[in-house]
């Protein structure tokens, strides 16, 4: 299994967490960059909430387009 297939089998929250860590951002730094509350990013990473498409677009600006859009 190649790395892209492995990543696509992960939950959105896990993909967000890995993308953020790959870019060497702490969750606090990332929330500030995106102008979002820390708790909301935590909810996304823990799969408690799912962001809207426009929010994913905003996060992708800082994560080098690593996040998938909701289906």
PDB file of N, CA and C in Angstrom:
ATOM      1  N   UNK A   1       0.860  -1.176   0.000  1.00  0.00           N
ATOM      2  CA  UNK A   1       0.000   0.000   0.000  1.00  0.00           C
ATOM      3  C   UNK A   1       0.902   1.233   0.000  1.00  0.00           C
ATOM      4  N   UNK A   2       0.666   2.148  -0.946  1.00  0.00           N
ATOM      5  CA  UNK A   2       1.492   3.348  -0.946  1.00  0.00           C
ATOM      6  C   UNK A   2       0.985   4.338   0.092  1.00  0.00           C
ATOM      7  N   UNK A   3       1.781   5.362   0.350  1.00  0.00           N
ATOM      8  CA  UNK A   3       1.477   6.321   1.411  1.00  0.00           C
ATOM      9  C   UNK A   3       0.171   7.066   1.161  1.00  0.00           C
ATOM     10  N   UNK A   4      -0.130   7.428  -0.095  1.00  0.00           N
ATOM     11  CA  UNK A   4      -1.369   8.146  -0.405  1.00  0.00           C
ATOM     12  C   UNK A   4      -2.595   7.302  -0.071  1.00  0.00           C
ATOM     13  N   UNK A   5      -2.546   6.006  -0.385  1.00  0.00           N
ATOM     14  CA  UNK A   5      -3.669   5.124  -0.058  1.00  0.00           C
ATOM     15  C   UNK A   5      -3.834   4.976   1.447  1.00  0.00           C
ATOM     16  N   UNK A   6      -2.713   4.893   2.161  1.00  0.00           N
ATOM     17  CA  UNK A   6      -2.778   4.785   3.614  1.00  0.00           C
ATOM     18  C   UNK A   6      -3.418   6.026   4.212  1.00  0.00           C
ATOM     19  N   UNK A   7      -2.986   7.196   3.782  1.00  0.00           N
ATOM     20  CA  UNK A   7      -3.524   8.453   4.311  1.00  0.00           C
ATOM     21  C   UNK A   7      -5.014   8.546   4.032  1.00  0.00           C
ATOM     22  N   UNK A   8      -5.454   8.140   2.852  1.00  0.00           N
ATOM     23  CA  UNK A   8      -6.868   8.276   2.499  1.00  0.00           C
ATOM     24  C   UNK A   8      -7.768   7.347   3.308  1.00  0.00           C
ATOM     25  N   UNK A   9      -7.206   6.339   3.958  1.00  0.00           N
ATOM     26  CA  UNK A   9      -8.026   5.455   4.780  1.00  0.00           C
ATOM     27  C   UNK A   9      -8.204   5.989   6.201  1.00  0.00           C
ATOM     28  N   UNK A  10      -7.475   7.030   6.549  1.00  0.00           N
ATOM     29  CA  UNK A  10      -7.576   7.622   7.879  1.00  0.00           C
ATOM     30  C   UNK A  10      -8.783   8.540   7.971  1.00  0.00           C
ATOM     31  N   UNK A  11      -9.259   8.757   9.183  1.00  0.00           N
ATOM     32  CA  UNK A  11     -10.366   9.697   9.387  1.00  0.00           C
ATOM     33  C   UNK A  11      -9.901  11.108   9.034  1.00  0.00           C
ATOM     34  N   UNK A  12     -10.860  11.992   8.796  1.00  0.00           N
ATOM     35  CA  UNK A  12     -10.505  13.373   8.476  1.00  0.00           C
ATOM     36  C   UNK A  12      -9.670  13.983   9.603  1.00  0.00           C
ATOM     37  N   UNK A  13     -10.084  13.758  10.837  1.00  0.00           N
ATOM     38  CA  UNK A  13      -9.373  14.337  11.975  1.00  0.00           C
ATOM     39  C   UNK A  13      -7.930  13.883  12.052  1.00  0.00           C
ATOM     40  N   UNK A  14      -7.706  12.596  11.798  1.00  0.00           N
ATOM     41  CA  UNK A  14      -6.335  12.065  11.825  1.00  0.00           C
ATOM     42  C   UNK A  14      -5.517  12.646  10.678  1.00  0.00           C
ATOM     43  N   UNK A  15      -6.141  12.810   9.508  1.00  0.00           N
ATOM     44  CA  UNK A  15      -5.444  13.417   8.377  1.00  0.00           C
ATOM     45  C   UNK A  15      -5.060  14.859   8.694  1.00  0.00           C
ATOM     46  N   UNK A  16      -5.971  15.590   9.340  1.00  0.00           N
ATOM     47  CA  UNK A  16      -5.688  16.975   9.731  1.00  0.00           C
ATOM     48  C   UNK A  16      -4.515  17.017  10.702  1.00  0.00           C
ATOM     49  N   UNK A  17      -4.545  16.175  11.702  1.00  0.00           N
ATOM     50  CA  UNK A  17      -3.480  16.136  12.701  1.00  0.00           C
ATOM     51  C   UNK A  17      -2.128  15.816  12.052  1.00  0.00           C
ATOM     52  N   UNK A  18      -2.088  14.815  11.197  1.00  0.00           N
ATOM     53  CA  UNK A  18      -0.839  14.439  10.525  1.00  0.00           C
ATOM     54  C   UNK A  18      -0.344  15.544   9.598  1.00  0.00           C
ATOM     55  N   UNK A  19      -1.255  16.178   8.858  1.00  0.00           N
ATOM     56  CA  UNK A  19      -0.864  17.267   7.957  1.00  0.00           C
ATOM     57  C   UNK A  19      -0.284  18.430   8.756  1.00  0.00           C
ATOM     58  N   UNK A  20      -0.925  18.762   9.862  1.00  0.00           N
ATOM     59  CA  UNK A  20      -0.447  19.861  10.715  1.00  0.00           C
ATOM     60  C   UNK A  20       0.932  19.537  11.276  1.00  0.00           C
ATOM     61  N   UNK A  21       1.107  18.324  11.762  1.00  0.00           N
ATOM     62  CA  UNK A  21       2.393  17.920  12.331  1.00  0.00           C
ATOM     63  C   UNK A  21       3.485  17.854  11.267  1.00  0.00           C
ATOM     64  N   UNK A  22       3.139  17.420  10.056  1.00  0.00           N
ATOM     65  CA  UNK A  22       4.098  17.369   8.957  1.00  0.00           C
ATOM     66  C   UNK A  22       4.626  18.762   8.625  1.00  0.00           C
ATOM     67  N   UNK A  23       3.765  19.755   8.780  1.00  0.00           N
ATOM     68  CA  UNK A  23       4.162  21.148   8.534  1.00  0.00           C
ATOM     69  C   UNK A  23       4.819  21.778   9.767  1.00  0.00           C
ATOM     70  N   UNK A  24       5.003  20.983  10.812  1.00  0.00           N
ATOM     71  CA  UNK A  24       5.649  21.432  12.054  1.00  0.00           C
ATOM     72  C   UNK A  24       4.922  22.571  12.757  1.00  0.00           C
ATOM     73  N   UNK A  25       3.593  22.539  12.730  1.00  0.00           N
ATOM     74  CA  UNK A  25       2.794  23.517  13.459  1.00  0.00           C
ATOM     75  C   UNK A  25       2.250  22.863  14.722  1.00  0.00           C
ATOM     76  N   UNK A  26       2.302  23.594  15.823  1.00  0.00           N
ATOM     77  CA  UNK A  26       1.574  23.127  16.998  1.00  0.00           C
ATOM     78  C   UNK A  26       0.102  23.415  16.748  1.00  0.00           C
ATOM     79  N   UNK A  27      -0.756  22.786  17.518  1.00  0.00           N
ATOM     80  CA  UNK A  27      -2.185  23.030  17.346  1.00  0.00           C
ATOM     81  C   UNK A  27      -2.510  24.492  17.668  1.00  0.00           C
ATOM     82  N   UNK A  28      -1.802  25.063  18.625  1.00  0.00           N
ATOM     83  CA  UNK A  28      -2.004  26.468  18.997  1.00  0.00           C
ATOM     84  C   UNK A  28      -1.585  27.392  17.851  1.00  0.00           C
ATOM     85  N   UNK A  29      -0.409  27.143  17.268  1.00  0.00           N
ATOM     86  CA  UNK A  29       0.054  27.955  16.137  1.00  0.00           C
ATOM     87  C   UNK A  29      -0.926  27.864  14.969  1.00  0.00           C
ATOM     88  N   UNK A  30      -1.359  26.645  14.688  1.00  0.00           N
ATOM     89  CA  UNK A  30      -2.257  26.432  13.555  1.00  0.00           C
ATOM     90  C   UNK A  30      -3.592  27.141  13.761  1.00  0.00           C
ATOM     91  N   UNK A  31      -4.118  27.081  14.967  1.00  0.00           N
ATOM     92  CA  UNK A  31      -5.393  27.758  15.230  1.00  0.00           C
ATOM     93  C   UNK A  31      -5.246  29.264  15.056  1.00  0.00           C
ATOM     94  N   UNK A  32      -4.114  29.816  15.461  1.00  0.00           N
ATOM     95  CA  UNK A  32      -3.882  31.252  15.284  1.00  0.00           C
ATOM     96  C   UNK A  32      -3.738  31.611  13.805  1.00  0.00           C
ATOM     97  N   UNK A  33      -2.996  30.799  13.053  1.00  0.00           N
ATOM     98  CA  UNK A  33      -2.821  31.055  11.618  1.00  0.00           C
ATOM     99  C   UNK A  33      -4.154  31.080  10.890  1.00  0.00           C
ATOM    100  N   UNK A  34      -5.020  30.138  11.248  1.00  0.00           N
ATOM    101  CA  UNK A  34      -6.318  30.007  10.590  1.00  0.00           C
ATOM    102  C   UNK A  34      -7.370  30.940  11.187  1.00  0.00           C
ATOM    103  N   UNK A  35      -6.993  31.651  12.256  1.00  0.00           N
ATOM    104  CA  UNK A  35      -7.924  32.540  12.951  1.00  0.00           C
ATOM    105  C   UNK A  35      -9.157  31.765  13.420  1.00  0.00           C
ATOM    106  N   UNK A  36      -8.884  30.624  14.046  1.00  0.00           N
ATOM    107  CA  UNK A  36      -9.938  29.751  14.551  1.00  0.00           C
ATOM    108  C   UNK A  36      -9.656  29.433  16.013  1.00  0.00           C
ATOM    109  N   UNK A  37     -10.700  29.106  16.747  1.00  0.00           N
ATOM    110  CA  UNK A  37     -10.523  28.755  18.156  1.00  0.00           C
ATOM    111  C   UNK A  37      -9.808  27.413  18.276  1.00  0.00           C
ATOM    112  N   UNK A  38      -8.926  27.344  19.252  1.00  0.00           N
ATOM    113  CA  UNK A  38      -8.172  26.123  19.511  1.00  0.00           C
ATOM    114  C   UNK A  38      -9.108  24.938  19.722  1.00  0.00           C
ATOM    115  N   UNK A  39     -10.158  25.140  20.465  1.00  0.00           N
ATOM    116  CA  UNK A  39     -11.115  24.065  20.760  1.00  0.00           C
ATOM    117  C   UNK A  39     -11.745  23.513  19.475  1.00  0.00           C
ATOM    118  N   UNK A  40     -11.995  24.375  18.503  1.00  0.00           N
ATOM    119  CA  UNK A  40     -12.583  23.923  17.244  1.00  0.00           C
ATOM    120  C   UNK A  40     -11.609  23.025  16.477  1.00  0.00           C
ATOM    121  N   UNK A  41     -10.339  23.413  16.436  1.00  0.00           N
ATOM    122  CA  UNK A  41      -9.327  22.575  15.783  1.00  0.00           C
ATOM    123  C   UNK A  41      -9.235  21.227  16.508  1.00  0.00           C
ATOM    124  N   UNK A  42      -9.276  21.267  17.831  1.00  0.00           N
ATOM    125  CA  UNK A  42      -9.259  20.016  18.603  1.00  0.00           C
ATOM    126  C   UNK A  42     -10.463  19.144  18.251  1.00  0.00           C
ATOM    127  N   UNK A  43     -11.626  19.760  18.115  1.00  0.00           N
ATOM    128  CA  UNK A  43     -12.826  18.998  17.741  1.00  0.00           C
ATOM    129  C   UNK A  43     -12.678  18.379  16.356  1.00  0.00           C
ATOM    130  N   UNK A  44     -12.093  19.112  15.416  1.00  0.00           N
ATOM    131  CA  UNK A  44     -11.857  18.557  14.080  1.00  0.00           C
ATOM    132  C   UNK A  44     -10.879  17.382  14.158  1.00  0.00           C
ATOM    133  N   UNK A  45      -9.783  17.563  14.885  1.00  0.00           N
ATOM    134  CA  UNK A  45      -8.763  16.511  14.969  1.00  0.00           C
ATOM    135  C   UNK A  45      -9.266  15.270  15.701  1.00  0.00           C
ATOM    136  N   UNK A  46     -10.214  15.450  16.588  1.00  0.00           N
ATOM    137  CA  UNK A  46     -10.777  14.318  17.333  1.00  0.00           C
ATOM    138  C   UNK A  46     -12.051  13.775  16.694  1.00  0.00           C
ATOM    139  N   UNK A  47     -12.355  14.228  15.494  1.00  0.00           N
ATOM    140  CA  UNK A  47     -13.529  13.787  14.732  1.00  0.00           C
ATOM    141  C   UNK A  47     -14.839  14.016  15.481  1.00  0.00           C
ATOM    142  N   UNK A  48     -14.877  15.066  16.280  1.00  0.00           N
ATOM    143  CA  UNK A  48     -16.100  15.459  16.977  1.00  0.00           C
ATOM    144  C   UNK A  48     -16.937  16.359  16.074  1.00  0.00           C
ATOM    145  N   UNK A  49     -16.255  17.152  15.259  1.00  0.00           N
ATOM    146  CA  UNK A  49     -16.923  18.053  14.318  1.00  0.00           C
ATOM    147  C   UNK A  49     -16.247  17.924  12.962  1.00  0.00           C
ATOM    148  N   UNK A  50     -16.976  18.266  11.912  1.00  0.00           N
ATOM    149  CA  UNK A  50     -16.443  18.236  10.545  1.00  0.00           C
ATOM    150  C   UNK A  50     -16.543  19.643   9.971  1.00  0.00           C
ATOM    151  N   UNK A  51     -15.431  20.195   9.478  1.00  0.00           N
ATOM    152  CA  UNK A  51     -15.472  21.560   8.954  1.00  0.00           C
ATOM    153  C   UNK A  51     -16.205  21.650   7.622  1.00  0.00           C
ATOM    154  N   UNK A  52     -16.706  22.851   7.348  1.00  0.00           N
ATOM    155  CA  UNK A  52     -17.317  23.125   6.051  1.00  0.00           C
ATOM    156  C   UNK A  52     -16.220  23.204   4.996  1.00  0.00           C
ATOM    157  N   UNK A  53     -16.623  23.122   3.743  1.00  0.00           N
ATOM    158  CA  UNK A  53     -15.662  23.150   2.633  1.00  0.00           C
ATOM    159  C   UNK A  53     -14.813  24.416   2.660  1.00  0.00           C
ATOM    160  N   UNK A  54     -15.431  25.567   2.951  1.00  0.00           N
ATOM    161  CA  UNK A  54     -14.669  26.825   2.969  1.00  0.00           C
ATOM    162  C   UNK A  54     -13.625  26.821   4.087  1.00  0.00           C
ATOM    163  N   UNK A  55     -13.920  26.137   5.181  1.00  0.00           N
ATOM    164  CA  UNK A  55     -12.958  26.038   6.281  1.00  0.00           C
ATOM    165  C   UNK A  55     -11.802  25.128   5.893  1.00  0.00           C
ATOM    166  N   UNK A  56     -12.103  24.048   5.196  1.00  0.00           N
ATOM    167  CA  UNK A  56     -11.044  23.151   4.719  1.00  0.00           C
ATOM    168  C   UNK A  56     -10.141  23.900   3.743  1.00  0.00           C
ATOM    169  N   UNK A  57     -10.734  24.707   2.877  1.00  0.00           N
ATOM    170  CA  UNK A  57      -9.954  25.512   1.933  1.00  0.00           C
ATOM    171  C   UNK A  57      -9.012  26.441   2.683  1.00  0.00           C
ATOM    172  N   UNK A  58      -9.513  27.073   3.732  1.00  0.00           N
ATOM    173  CA  UNK A  58      -8.695  27.975   4.548  1.00  0.00           C
ATOM    174  C   UNK A  58      -7.534  27.212   5.195  1.00  0.00           C
ATOM    175  N   UNK A  59      -7.816  26.045   5.761  1.00  0.00           N
ATOM    176  CA  UNK A  59      -6.766  25.259   6.412  1.00  0.00           C
ATOM    177  C   UNK A  59      -5.747  24.751   5.395  1.00  0.00           C
ATOM    178  N   UNK A  60      -6.216  24.397   4.200  1.00  0.00           N
ATOM    179  CA  UNK A  60      -5.317  23.882   3.165  1.00  0.00           C
ATOM    180  C   UNK A  60      -4.288  24.911   2.720  1.00  0.00           C
ATOM    181  N   UNK A  61      -4.600  26.196   2.868  1.00  0.00           N
ATOM    182  CA  UNK A  61      -3.618  27.235   2.519  1.00  0.00           C
ATOM    183  C   UNK A  61      -2.349  27.076   3.350  1.00  0.00           C
ATOM    184  N   UNK A  62      -2.496  26.634   4.578  1.00  0.00           N
ATOM    185  CA  UNK A  62      -1.354  26.492   5.481  1.00  0.00           C
ATOM    186  C   UNK A  62      -0.795  25.075   5.512  1.00  0.00           C
ATOM    187  N   UNK A  63      -1.539  24.122   4.978  1.00  0.00           N
ATOM    188  CA  UNK A  63      -1.128  22.716   5.026  1.00  0.00           C
ATOM    189  C   UNK A  63      -0.710  22.174   3.664  1.00  0.00           C
ATOM    190  N   UNK A  64      -0.459  23.041   2.726  1.00  0.00           N
ATOM    191  CA  UNK A  64      -0.007  22.640   1.387  1.00  0.00           C
ATOM    192  C   UNK A  64      -1.010  21.711   0.711  1.00  0.00           C
ATOM    193  N   UNK A  65      -2.304  22.038   0.858  1.00  0.00           N
ATOM    194  CA  UNK A  65      -3.396  21.300   0.205  1.00  0.00           C
ATOM    195  C   UNK A  65      -3.393  19.811   0.519  1.00  0.00           C
ATOM    196  N   UNK A  66      -3.193  19.457   1.765  1.00  0.00           N
ATOM    197  CA  UNK A  66      -3.133  18.045   2.137  1.00  0.00           C
ATOM    198  C   UNK A  66      -4.460  17.474   2.602  1.00  0.00           C
ATOM    199  N   UNK A  67      -5.451  18.322   2.831  1.00  0.00           N
ATOM    200  CA  UNK A  67      -6.720  17.816   3.365  1.00  0.00           C
ATOM    201  C   UNK A  67      -7.722  17.525   2.259  1.00  0.00           C
ATOM    202  N   UNK A  68      -8.440  16.423   2.379  1.00  0.00           N
ATOM    203  CA  UNK A  68      -9.493  16.110   1.407  1.00  0.00           C
ATOM    204  C   UNK A  68     -10.753  16.905   1.724  1.00  0.00           C
ATOM    205  N   UNK A  69     -11.578  17.087   0.731  1.00  0.00           N
ATOM    206  CA  UNK A  69     -12.874  17.733   0.937  1.00  0.00           C
ATOM    207  C   UNK A  69     -13.903  16.666   1.253  1.00  0.00           C
ATOM    208  N   UNK A  70     -14.896  17.043   2.022  1.00  0.00           N
ATOM    209  CA  UNK A  70     -15.957  16.103   2.397  1.00  0.00           C
ATOM    210  C   UNK A  70     -16.662  15.596   1.157  1.00  0.00           C
ATOM    211  N   UNK A  71     -17.090  14.348   1.221  1.00  0.00           N
ATOM    212  CA  UNK A  71     -17.773  13.740   0.071  1.00  0.00           C
ATOM    213  C   UNK A  71     -19.254  13.909   0.182  1.00  0.00           C
TER     214      UNK A  71
END
